[in-house]
Amino acid sequence: MSTNTDISIDEKIKHKTATPSKFKVVFLNDDKTPMEWVVKILVELYRHSAGTAEQITMTIHNEGSGIAGVYSHEIAEQKQDETISASRNFGFPLKVTIEEDS
């Protein structure tokens, strides 16, 4: 029995790599969560400077929502959970959503 070991494969494999989607963590305005708390969360959990945190807080207050940060889906979910948990522990109803970044 003979076997031919001179097999050649002439296929071209195309690799497509897609960049993972990013997700925005969005804070929604409410009438009960103090602006000072929002600034504190933006500084401590999202690592914004005090000035940037105040600007984002004013956007949330004036426009109804503001972007706290843009992350991979897993990190965005973690930030959302940490923000909601910390806010509830202090009795604040801050709402946080995640939206795909376009």
PDB file of N, CA and C in Angstrom:
ATOM      1  N   MET A   1       0.848  -1.166   0.000  1.00  0.00           N
ATOM      2  CA  MET A   1       0.000   0.000   0.000  1.00  0.00           C
ATOM      3  C   MET A   1       0.896   1.232   0.000  1.00  0.00           C
ATOM      4  N   SER A   2       0.633   2.133  -0.930  1.00  0.00           N
ATOM      5  CA  SER A   2       1.449   3.334  -0.993  1.00  0.00           C
ATOM      6  C   SER A   2       0.583   4.542  -0.663  1.00  0.00           C
ATOM      7  N   THR A   3       1.194   5.495  -0.002  1.00  0.00           N
ATOM      8  CA  THR A   3       0.494   6.731   0.326  1.00  0.00           C
ATOM      9  C   THR A   3       1.258   7.893  -0.262  1.00  0.00           C
ATOM     10  N   ASN A   4       0.533   8.819  -0.726  1.00  0.00           N
ATOM     11  CA  ASN A   4       1.148  10.007  -1.316  1.00  0.00           C
ATOM     12  C   ASN A   4       1.220  11.084  -0.236  1.00  0.00           C
ATOM     13  N   THR A   5       2.411  11.436   0.133  1.00  0.00           N
ATOM     14  CA  THR A   5       2.598  12.446   1.178  1.00  0.00           C
ATOM     15  C   THR A   5       2.833  13.822   0.584  1.00  0.00           C
ATOM     16  N   ASP A   6       2.753  13.934  -0.712  1.00  0.00           N
ATOM     17  CA  ASP A   6       2.962  15.225  -1.369  1.00  0.00           C
ATOM     18  C   ASP A   6       1.622  15.906  -1.649  1.00  0.00           C
ATOM     19  N   ILE A   7       0.865  16.088  -0.622  1.00  0.00           N
ATOM     20  CA  ILE A   7      -0.441  16.741  -0.773  1.00  0.00           C
ATOM     21  C   ILE A   7      -0.235  18.240  -0.584  1.00  0.00           C
ATOM     22  N   SER A   8      -0.791  18.991  -1.484  1.00  0.00           N
ATOM     23  CA  SER A   8      -0.693  20.434  -1.320  1.00  0.00           C
ATOM     24  C   SER A   8      -2.106  21.012  -1.291  1.00  0.00           C
ATOM     25  N   ILE A   9      -2.305  21.909  -0.393  1.00  0.00           N
ATOM     26  CA  ILE A   9      -3.597  22.568  -0.263  1.00  0.00           C
ATOM     27  C   ILE A   9      -3.409  23.996  -0.747  1.00  0.00           C
ATOM     28  N   ASP A  10      -4.223  24.356  -1.703  1.00  0.00           N
ATOM     29  CA  ASP A  10      -4.100  25.681  -2.302  1.00  0.00           C
ATOM     30  C   ASP A  10      -5.331  26.516  -1.944  1.00  0.00           C
ATOM     31  N   GLU A  11      -5.585  26.627  -0.652  1.00  0.00           N
ATOM     32  CA  GLU A  11      -6.708  27.434  -0.187  1.00  0.00           C
ATOM     33  C   GLU A  11      -6.157  28.677   0.486  1.00  0.00           C
ATOM     34  N   LYS A  12      -6.889  29.723   0.295  1.00  0.00           N
ATOM     35  CA  LYS A  12      -6.521  30.943   0.999  1.00  0.00           C
ATOM     36  C   LYS A  12      -7.583  31.187   2.058  1.00  0.00           C
ATOM     37  N   ILE A  13      -7.128  31.281   3.258  1.00  0.00           N
ATOM     38  CA  ILE A  13      -8.042  31.516   4.374  1.00  0.00           C
ATOM     39  C   ILE A  13      -8.023  33.000   4.683  1.00  0.00           C
ATOM     40  N   LYS A  14      -9.213  33.565   4.654  1.00  0.00           N
ATOM     41  CA  LYS A  14      -9.328  34.992   4.951  1.00  0.00           C
ATOM     42  C   LYS A  14      -9.743  35.158   6.415  1.00  0.00           C
ATOM     43  N   HIS A  15      -8.988  35.935   7.108  1.00  0.00           N
ATOM     44  CA  HIS A  15      -9.281  36.207   8.514  1.00  0.00           C
ATOM     45  C   HIS A  15      -9.897  37.590   8.616  1.00  0.00           C
ATOM     46  N   LYS A  16     -11.037  37.624   9.220  1.00  0.00           N
ATOM     47  CA  LYS A  16     -11.670  38.912   9.472  1.00  0.00           C
ATOM     48  C   LYS A  16     -11.695  39.122  10.975  1.00  0.00           C
ATOM     49  N   THR A  17     -11.133  40.204  11.408  1.00  0.00           N
ATOM     50  CA  THR A  17     -11.180  40.530  12.821  1.00  0.00           C
ATOM     51  C   THR A  17     -11.981  41.810  12.986  1.00  0.00           C
ATOM     52  N   ALA A  18     -12.902  41.758  13.880  1.00  0.00           N
ATOM     53  CA  ALA A  18     -13.742  42.924  14.139  1.00  0.00           C
ATOM     54  C   ALA A  18     -13.350  43.527  15.483  1.00  0.00           C
ATOM     55  N   THR A  19     -13.343  44.809  15.527  1.00  0.00           N
ATOM     56  CA  THR A  19     -13.087  45.501  16.781  1.00  0.00           C
ATOM     57  C   THR A  19     -14.324  45.357  17.661  1.00  0.00           C
ATOM     58  N   PRO A  20     -14.157  44.970  18.912  1.00  0.00           N
ATOM     59  CA  PRO A  20     -15.318  44.825  19.798  1.00  0.00           C
ATOM     60  C   PRO A  20     -16.052  46.153  19.961  1.00  0.00           C
ATOM     61  N   SER A  21     -17.348  46.070  20.083  1.00  0.00           N
ATOM     62  CA  SER A  21     -18.156  47.267  20.273  1.00  0.00           C
ATOM     63  C   SER A  21     -17.842  47.903  21.625  1.00  0.00           C
ATOM     64  N   LYS A  22     -18.029  49.193  21.668  1.00  0.00           N
ATOM     65  CA  LYS A  22     -17.894  49.936  22.921  1.00  0.00           C
ATOM     66  C   LYS A  22     -19.284  50.351  23.378  1.00  0.00           C
ATOM     67  N   PHE A  23     -19.422  50.544  24.690  1.00  0.00           N
ATOM     68  CA  PHE A  23     -20.710  50.882  25.270  1.00  0.00           C
ATOM     69  C   PHE A  23     -20.586  52.099  26.180  1.00  0.00           C
ATOM     70  N   LYS A  24     -21.567  52.984  26.061  1.00  0.00           N
ATOM     71  CA  LYS A  24     -21.612  54.195  26.880  1.00  0.00           C
ATOM     72  C   LYS A  24     -22.353  53.890  28.176  1.00  0.00           C
ATOM     73  N   VAL A  25     -21.803  54.377  29.273  1.00  0.00           N
ATOM     74  CA  VAL A  25     -22.503  54.336  30.554  1.00  0.00           C
ATOM     75  C   VAL A  25     -23.164  55.704  30.689  1.00  0.00           C
ATOM     76  N   VAL A  26     -24.491  55.699  30.734  1.00  0.00           N
ATOM     77  CA  VAL A  26     -25.258  56.940  30.709  1.00  0.00           C
ATOM     78  C   VAL A  26     -25.987  57.129  32.038  1.00  0.00           C
ATOM     79  N   PHE A  27     -25.780  58.300  32.641  1.00  0.00           N
ATOM     80  CA  PHE A  27     -26.494  58.671  33.863  1.00  0.00           C
ATOM     81  C   PHE A  27     -27.749  59.437  33.444  1.00  0.00           C
ATOM     82  N   LEU A  28     -28.871  59.137  34.103  1.00  0.00           N
ATOM     83  CA  LEU A  28     -30.127  59.826  33.830  1.00  0.00           C
ATOM     84  C   LEU A  28     -30.463  60.773  34.981  1.00  0.00           C
ATOM     85  N   ASN A  29     -30.994  61.915  34.636  1.00  0.00           N
ATOM     86  CA  ASN A  29     -31.341  62.921  35.635  1.00  0.00           C
ATOM     87  C   ASN A  29     -32.550  62.484  36.459  1.00  0.00           C
ATOM     88  N   ASP A  30     -32.532  62.820  37.722  1.00  0.00           N
ATOM     89  CA  ASP A  30     -33.706  62.652  38.582  1.00  0.00           C
ATOM     90  C   ASP A  30     -33.723  63.804  39.565  1.00  0.00           C
ATOM     91  N   ASP A  31     -34.828  63.946  40.286  1.00  0.00           N
ATOM     92  CA  ASP A  31     -34.990  65.081  41.202  1.00  0.00           C
ATOM     93  C   ASP A  31     -34.537  64.789  42.620  1.00  0.00           C
ATOM     94  N   LYS A  32     -34.038  63.579  42.871  1.00  0.00           N
ATOM     95  CA  LYS A  32     -33.693  63.202  44.242  1.00  0.00           C
ATOM     96  C   LYS A  32     -32.201  63.001  44.494  1.00  0.00           C
ATOM     97  N   THR A  33     -31.454  62.602  43.480  1.00  0.00           N
ATOM     98  CA  THR A  33     -30.020  62.359  43.663  1.00  0.00           C
ATOM     99  C   THR A  33     -29.282  63.701  43.649  1.00  0.00           C
ATOM    100  N   PRO A  34     -28.550  64.026  44.718  1.00  0.00           N
ATOM    101  CA  PRO A  34     -27.835  65.307  44.770  1.00  0.00           C
ATOM    102  C   PRO A  34     -26.710  65.376  43.725  1.00  0.00           C
ATOM    103  N   MET A  35     -26.514  66.557  43.194  1.00  0.00           N
ATOM    104  CA  MET A  35     -25.457  66.761  42.202  1.00  0.00           C
ATOM    105  C   MET A  35     -24.089  66.445  42.793  1.00  0.00           C
ATOM    106  N   GLU A  36     -23.917  66.705  44.081  1.00  0.00           N
ATOM    107  CA  GLU A  36     -22.643  66.418  44.737  1.00  0.00           C
ATOM    108  C   GLU A  36     -22.328  64.920  44.694  1.00  0.00           C
ATOM    109  N   TRP A  37     -23.381  64.100  44.832  1.00  0.00           N
ATOM    110  CA  TRP A  37     -23.191  62.657  44.778  1.00  0.00           C
ATOM    111  C   TRP A  37     -22.752  62.221  43.383  1.00  0.00           C
ATOM    112  N   VAL A  38     -23.391  62.787  42.372  1.00  0.00           N
ATOM    113  CA  VAL A  38     -23.049  62.439  40.990  1.00  0.00           C
ATOM    114  C   VAL A  38     -21.588  62.808  40.709  1.00  0.00           C
ATOM    115  N   VAL A  39     -21.180  63.988  41.148  1.00  0.00           N
ATOM    116  CA  VAL A  39     -19.781  64.412  40.969  1.00  0.00           C
ATOM    117  C   VAL A  39     -18.847  63.437  41.680  1.00  0.00           C
ATOM    118  N   LYS A  40     -19.199  63.069  42.908  1.00  0.00           N
ATOM    119  CA  LYS A  40     -18.368  62.138  43.697  1.00  0.00           C
ATOM    120  C   LYS A  40     -18.213  60.803  42.966  1.00  0.00           C
ATOM    121  N   ILE A  41     -19.305  60.250  42.455  1.00  0.00           N
ATOM    122  CA  ILE A  41     -19.255  58.970  41.727  1.00  0.00           C
ATOM    123  C   ILE A  41     -18.395  59.100  40.470  1.00  0.00           C
ATOM    124  N   LEU A  42     -18.573  60.197  39.738  1.00  0.00           N
ATOM    125  CA  LEU A  42     -17.800  60.390  38.506  1.00  0.00           C
ATOM    126  C   LEU A  42     -16.301  60.503  38.793  1.00  0.00           C
ATOM    127  N   VAL A  43     -15.955  61.093  39.907  1.00  0.00           N
ATOM    128  CA  VAL A  43     -14.538  61.229  40.282  1.00  0.00           C
ATOM    129  C   VAL A  43     -13.996  59.892  40.797  1.00  0.00           C
ATOM    130  N   GLU A  44     -14.726  59.252  41.688  1.00  0.00           N
ATOM    131  CA  GLU A  44     -14.207  58.050  42.350  1.00  0.00           C
ATOM    132  C   GLU A  44     -14.298  56.785  41.498  1.00  0.00           C
ATOM    133  N   LEU A  45     -15.414  56.556  40.820  1.00  0.00           N
ATOM    134  CA  LEU A  45     -15.585  55.319  40.057  1.00  0.00           C
ATOM    135  C   LEU A  45     -15.150  55.448  38.590  1.00  0.00           C
ATOM    136  N   TYR A  46     -15.275  56.655  38.051  1.00  0.00           N
ATOM    137  CA  TYR A  46     -14.992  56.832  36.630  1.00  0.00           C
ATOM    138  C   TYR A  46     -13.689  57.595  36.386  1.00  0.00           C
ATOM    139  N   ARG A  47     -13.042  58.008  37.455  1.00  0.00           N
ATOM    140  CA  ARG A  47     -11.725  58.647  37.407  1.00  0.00           C
ATOM    141  C   ARG A  47     -11.688  59.958  36.611  1.00  0.00           C
ATOM    142  N   HIS A  48     -12.802  60.708  36.651  1.00  0.00           N
ATOM    143  CA  HIS A  48     -12.816  62.027  36.026  1.00  0.00           C
ATOM    144  C   HIS A  48     -12.210  63.042  36.990  1.00  0.00           C
ATOM    145  N   SER A  49     -11.673  64.109  36.454  1.00  0.00           N
ATOM    146  CA  SER A  49     -11.228  65.213  37.313  1.00  0.00           C
ATOM    147  C   SER A  49     -12.480  65.885  37.882  1.00  0.00           C
ATOM    148  N   ALA A  50     -12.313  66.663  38.926  1.00  0.00           N
ATOM    149  CA  ALA A  50     -13.453  67.354  39.530  1.00  0.00           C
ATOM    150  C   ALA A  50     -14.130  68.273  38.513  1.00  0.00           C
ATOM    151  N   GLY A  51     -13.345  68.957  37.719  1.00  0.00           N
ATOM    152  CA  GLY A  51     -13.901  69.871  36.720  1.00  0.00           C
ATOM    153  C   GLY A  51     -14.710  69.151  35.661  1.00  0.00           C
ATOM    154  N   THR A  52     -14.173  68.063  35.151  1.00  0.00           N
ATOM    155  CA  THR A  52     -14.887  67.279  34.141  1.00  0.00           C
ATOM    156  C   THR A  52     -16.143  66.658  34.739  1.00  0.00           C
ATOM    157  N   ALA A  53     -16.053  66.164  35.953  1.00  0.00           N
ATOM    158  CA  ALA A  53     -17.211  65.570  36.631  1.00  0.00           C
ATOM    159  C   ALA A  53     -18.322  66.604  36.799  1.00  0.00           C
ATOM    160  N   GLU A  54     -17.951  67.827  37.132  1.00  0.00           N
ATOM    161  CA  GLU A  54     -18.952  68.894  37.275  1.00  0.00           C
ATOM    162  C   GLU A  54     -19.596  69.217  35.936  1.00  0.00           C
ATOM    163  N   GLN A  55     -18.818  69.223  34.855  1.00  0.00           N
ATOM    164  CA  GLN A  55     -19.374  69.480  33.517  1.00  0.00           C
ATOM    165  C   GLN A  55     -20.359  68.379  33.111  1.00  0.00           C
ATOM    166  N   ILE A  56     -19.988  67.132  33.345  1.00  0.00           N
ATOM    167  CA  ILE A  56     -20.876  66.011  33.016  1.00  0.00           C
ATOM    168  C   ILE A  56     -22.152  66.095  33.850  1.00  0.00           C
ATOM    169  N   THR A  57     -22.013  66.438  35.121  1.00  0.00           N
ATOM    170  CA  THR A  57     -23.168  66.564  36.011  1.00  0.00           C
ATOM    171  C   THR A  57     -24.113  67.653  35.524  1.00  0.00           C
ATOM    172  N   MET A  58     -23.573  68.759  35.065  1.00  0.00           N
ATOM    173  CA  MET A  58     -24.419  69.841  34.532  1.00  0.00           C
ATOM    174  C   MET A  58     -25.121  69.405  33.251  1.00  0.00           C
ATOM    175  N   THR A  59     -24.442  68.622  32.430  1.00  0.00           N
ATOM    176  CA  THR A  59     -25.078  68.088  31.218  1.00  0.00           C
ATOM    177  C   THR A  59     -26.241  67.186  31.598  1.00  0.00           C
ATOM    178  N   ILE A  60     -26.029  66.318  32.587  1.00  0.00           N
ATOM    179  CA  ILE A  60     -27.096  65.432  33.068  1.00  0.00           C
ATOM    180  C   ILE A  60     -28.273  66.270  33.562  1.00  0.00           C
ATOM    181  N   HIS A  61     -27.977  67.287  34.345  1.00  0.00           N
ATOM    182  CA  HIS A  61     -29.016  68.145  34.928  1.00  0.00           C
ATOM    183  C   HIS A  61     -29.783  68.919  33.852  1.00  0.00           C
ATOM    184  N   ASN A  62     -29.058  69.493  32.901  1.00  0.00           N
ATOM    185  CA  ASN A  62     -29.681  70.358  31.897  1.00  0.00           C
ATOM    186  C   ASN A  62     -30.304  69.609  30.724  1.00  0.00           C
ATOM    187  N   GLU A  63     -29.716  68.474  30.352  1.00  0.00           N
ATOM    188  CA  GLU A  63     -30.187  67.764  29.150  1.00  0.00           C
ATOM    189  C   GLU A  63     -30.921  66.463  29.462  1.00  0.00           C
ATOM    190  N   GLY A  64     -30.923  66.056  30.723  1.00  0.00           N
ATOM    191  CA  GLY A  64     -31.645  64.851  31.099  1.00  0.00           C
ATOM    192  C   GLY A  64     -30.798  63.595  31.173  1.00  0.00           C
ATOM    193  N   SER A  65     -29.612  63.630  30.553  1.00  0.00           N
ATOM    194  CA  SER A  65     -28.693  62.491  30.627  1.00  0.00           C
ATOM    195  C   SER A  65     -27.296  62.947  30.250  1.00  0.00           C
ATOM    196  N   GLY A  66     -26.313  62.129  30.626  1.00  0.00           N
ATOM    197  CA  GLY A  66     -24.928  62.439  30.308  1.00  0.00           C
ATOM    198  C   GLY A  66     -24.095  61.174  30.326  1.00  0.00           C
ATOM    199  N   ILE A  67     -23.043  61.176  29.526  1.00  0.00           N
ATOM    200  CA  ILE A  67     -22.188  60.003  29.395  1.00  0.00           C
ATOM    201  C   ILE A  67     -21.082  60.048  30.446  1.00  0.00           C
ATOM    202  N   ALA A  68     -21.052  59.020  31.283  1.00  0.00           N
ATOM    203  CA  ALA A  68     -20.023  58.919  32.317  1.00  0.00           C
ATOM    204  C   ALA A  68     -18.732  58.341  31.745  1.00  0.00           C
ATOM    205  N   GLY A  69     -18.848  57.473  30.732  1.00  0.00           N
ATOM    206  CA  GLY A  69     -17.669  56.862  30.128  1.00  0.00           C
ATOM    207  C   GLY A  69     -18.063  55.882  29.043  1.00  0.00           C
ATOM    208  N   VAL A  70     -17.068  55.455  28.269  1.00  0.00           N
ATOM    209  CA  VAL A  70     -17.276  54.488  27.184  1.00  0.00           C
ATOM    210  C   VAL A  70     -16.287  53.344  27.400  1.00  0.00           C
ATOM    211  N   TYR A  71     -16.825  52.121  27.442  1.00  0.00           N
ATOM    212  CA  TYR A  71     -16.026  50.953  27.814  1.00  0.00           C
ATOM    213  C   TYR A  71     -16.445  49.732  27.005  1.00  0.00           C
ATOM    214  N   SER A  72     -15.700  48.644  27.170  1.00  0.00           N
ATOM    215  CA  SER A  72     -16.149  47.357  26.642  1.00  0.00           C
ATOM    216  C   SER A  72     -17.439  46.993  27.378  1.00  0.00           C
ATOM    217  N   HIS A  73     -18.210  46.071  26.829  1.00  0.00           N
ATOM    218  CA  HIS A  73     -19.506  45.735  27.421  1.00  0.00           C
ATOM    219  C   HIS A  73     -19.367  45.268  28.871  1.00  0.00           C
ATOM    220  N   GLU A  74     -18.385  44.406  29.131  1.00  0.00           N
ATOM    221  CA  GLU A  74     -18.224  43.860  30.478  1.00  0.00           C
ATOM    222  C   GLU A  74     -17.880  44.958  31.488  1.00  0.00           C
ATOM    223  N   ILE A  75     -16.989  45.860  31.109  1.00  0.00           N
ATOM    224  CA  ILE A  75     -16.604  46.947  32.013  1.00  0.00           C
ATOM    225  C   ILE A  75     -17.766  47.908  32.209  1.00  0.00           C
ATOM    226  N   ALA A  76     -18.508  48.195  31.137  1.00  0.00           N
ATOM    227  CA  ALA A  76     -19.671  49.087  31.242  1.00  0.00           C
ATOM    228  C   ALA A  76     -20.697  48.507  32.217  1.00  0.00           C
ATOM    229  N   GLU A  77     -20.951  47.213  32.120  1.00  0.00           N
ATOM    230  CA  GLU A  77     -21.885  46.565  33.054  1.00  0.00           C
ATOM    231  C   GLU A  77     -21.384  46.641  34.485  1.00  0.00           C
ATOM    232  N   GLN A  78     -20.092  46.426  34.665  1.00  0.00           N
ATOM    233  CA  GLN A  78     -19.512  46.491  36.012  1.00  0.00           C
ATOM    234  C   GLN A  78     -19.650  47.902  36.584  1.00  0.00           C
ATOM    235  N   LYS A  79     -19.333  48.914  35.777  1.00  0.00           N
ATOM    236  CA  LYS A  79     -19.457  50.308  36.227  1.00  0.00           C
ATOM    237  C   LYS A  79     -20.911  50.631  36.572  1.00  0.00           C
ATOM    238  N   GLN A  80     -21.840  50.165  35.733  1.00  0.00           N
ATOM    239  CA  GLN A  80     -23.257  50.393  35.993  1.00  0.00           C
ATOM    240  C   GLN A  80     -23.648  49.782  37.337  1.00  0.00           C
ATOM    241  N   ASP A  81     -23.274  48.532  37.561  1.00  0.00           N
ATOM    242  CA  ASP A  81     -23.605  47.849  38.813  1.00  0.00           C
ATOM    243  C   ASP A  81     -23.004  48.549  40.021  1.00  0.00           C
ATOM    244  N   GLU A  82     -21.733  48.947  39.916  1.00  0.00           N
ATOM    245  CA  GLU A  82     -21.068  49.633  41.039  1.00  0.00           C
ATOM    246  C   GLU A  82     -21.748  50.960  41.346  1.00  0.00           C
ATOM    247  N   THR A  83     -22.123  51.693  40.305  1.00  0.00           N
ATOM    248  CA  THR A  83     -22.762  52.997  40.483  1.00  0.00           C
ATOM    249  C   THR A  83     -24.122  52.854  41.147  1.00  0.00           C
ATOM    250  N   ILE A  84     -24.919  51.923  40.646  1.00  0.00           N
ATOM    251  CA  ILE A  84     -26.259  51.722  41.206  1.00  0.00           C
ATOM    252  C   ILE A  84     -26.167  51.221  42.647  1.00  0.00           C
ATOM    253  N   SER A  85     -25.273  50.280  42.902  1.00  0.00           N
ATOM    254  CA  SER A  85     -25.116  49.730  44.244  1.00  0.00           C
ATOM    255  C   SER A  85     -24.698  50.815  45.248  1.00  0.00           C
ATOM    256  N   ALA A  86     -23.689  51.604  44.885  1.00  0.00           N
ATOM    257  CA  ALA A  86     -23.227  52.675  45.782  1.00  0.00           C
ATOM    258  C   ALA A  86     -24.335  53.696  46.017  1.00  0.00           C
ATOM    259  N   SER A  87     -25.061  54.041  44.959  1.00  0.00           N
ATOM    260  CA  SER A  87     -26.135  55.031  45.088  1.00  0.00           C
ATOM    261  C   SER A  87     -27.244  54.516  45.995  1.00  0.00           C
ATOM    262  N   ARG A  88     -27.636  53.270  45.825  1.00  0.00           N
ATOM    263  CA  ARG A  88     -28.707  52.697  46.665  1.00  0.00           C
ATOM    264  C   ARG A  88     -28.262  52.610  48.122  1.00  0.00           C
ATOM    265  N   ASN A  89     -26.984  52.304  48.343  1.00  0.00           N
ATOM    266  CA  ASN A  89     -26.484  52.227  49.719  1.00  0.00           C
ATOM    267  C   ASN A  89     -26.615  53.554  50.448  1.00  0.00           C
ATOM    268  N   PHE A  90     -26.599  54.660  49.694  1.00  0.00           N
ATOM    269  CA  PHE A  90     -26.757  55.977  50.297  1.00  0.00           C
ATOM    270  C   PHE A  90     -28.171  56.527  50.108  1.00  0.00           C
ATOM    271  N   GLY A  91     -29.064  55.699  49.583  1.00  0.00           N
ATOM    272  CA  GLY A  91     -30.464  56.093  49.462  1.00  0.00           C
ATOM    273  C   GLY A  91     -30.792  56.936  48.252  1.00  0.00           C
ATOM    274  N   PHE A  92     -29.958  56.916  47.229  1.00  0.00           N
ATOM    275  CA  PHE A  92     -30.198  57.727  46.040  1.00  0.00           C
ATOM    276  C   PHE A  92     -30.706  56.852  44.892  1.00  0.00           C
ATOM    277  N   PRO A  93     -31.722  57.336  44.150  1.00  0.00           N
ATOM    278  CA  PRO A  93     -32.319  56.539  43.073  1.00  0.00           C
ATOM    279  C   PRO A  93     -31.652  56.749  41.699  1.00  0.00           C
ATOM    280  N   LEU A  94     -30.398  57.119  41.670  1.00  0.00           N
ATOM    281  CA  LEU A  94     -29.707  57.397  40.402  1.00  0.00           C
ATOM    282  C   LEU A  94     -29.905  56.247  39.427  1.00  0.00           C
ATOM    283  N   LYS A  95     -30.328  56.587  38.218  1.00  0.00           N
ATOM    284  CA  LYS A  95     -30.525  55.570  37.178  1.00  0.00           C
ATOM    285  C   LYS A  95     -29.371  55.625  36.197  1.00  0.00           C
ATOM    286  N   VAL A  96     -28.900  54.451  35.814  1.00  0.00           N
ATOM    287  CA  VAL A  96     -27.752  54.334  34.911  1.00  0.00           C
ATOM    288  C   VAL A  96     -28.112  53.308  33.849  1.00  0.00           C
ATOM    289  N   THR A  97     -27.884  53.667  32.585  1.00  0.00           N
ATOM    290  CA  THR A  97     -28.138  52.736  31.492  1.00  0.00           C
ATOM    291  C   THR A  97     -26.851  52.509  30.704  1.00  0.00           C
ATOM    292  N   ILE A  98     -26.892  51.497  29.859  1.00  0.00           N
ATOM    293  CA  ILE A  98     -25.780  51.204  28.957  1.00  0.00           C
ATOM    294  C   ILE A  98     -26.326  51.252  27.537  1.00  0.00           C
ATOM    295  N   GLU A  99     -25.620  51.969  26.662  1.00  0.00           N
ATOM    296  CA  GLU A  99     -26.018  52.071  25.263  1.00  0.00           C
ATOM    297  C   GLU A  99     -24.816  51.780  24.393  1.00  0.00           C
ATOM    298  N   GLU A 100     -25.042  51.090  23.284  1.00  0.00           N
ATOM    299  CA  GLU A 100     -23.940  50.822  22.362  1.00  0.00           C
ATOM    300  C   GLU A 100     -23.484  52.136  21.748  1.00  0.00           C
ATOM    301  N   ASP A 101     -22.184  52.329  21.717  1.00  0.00           N
ATOM    302  CA  ASP A 101     -21.600  53.545  21.147  1.00  0.00           C
ATOM    303  C   ASP A 101     -21.617  53.432  19.642  1.00  0.00           C
ATOM    304  N   SER A 102     -22.135  54.442  18.991  1.00  0.00           N
ATOM    305  CA  SER A 102     -22.218  54.376  17.529  1.00  0.00           C
ATOM    306  C   SER A 102     -21.055  55.045  16.841  1.00  0.00           C
TER     307      SER A 102
END
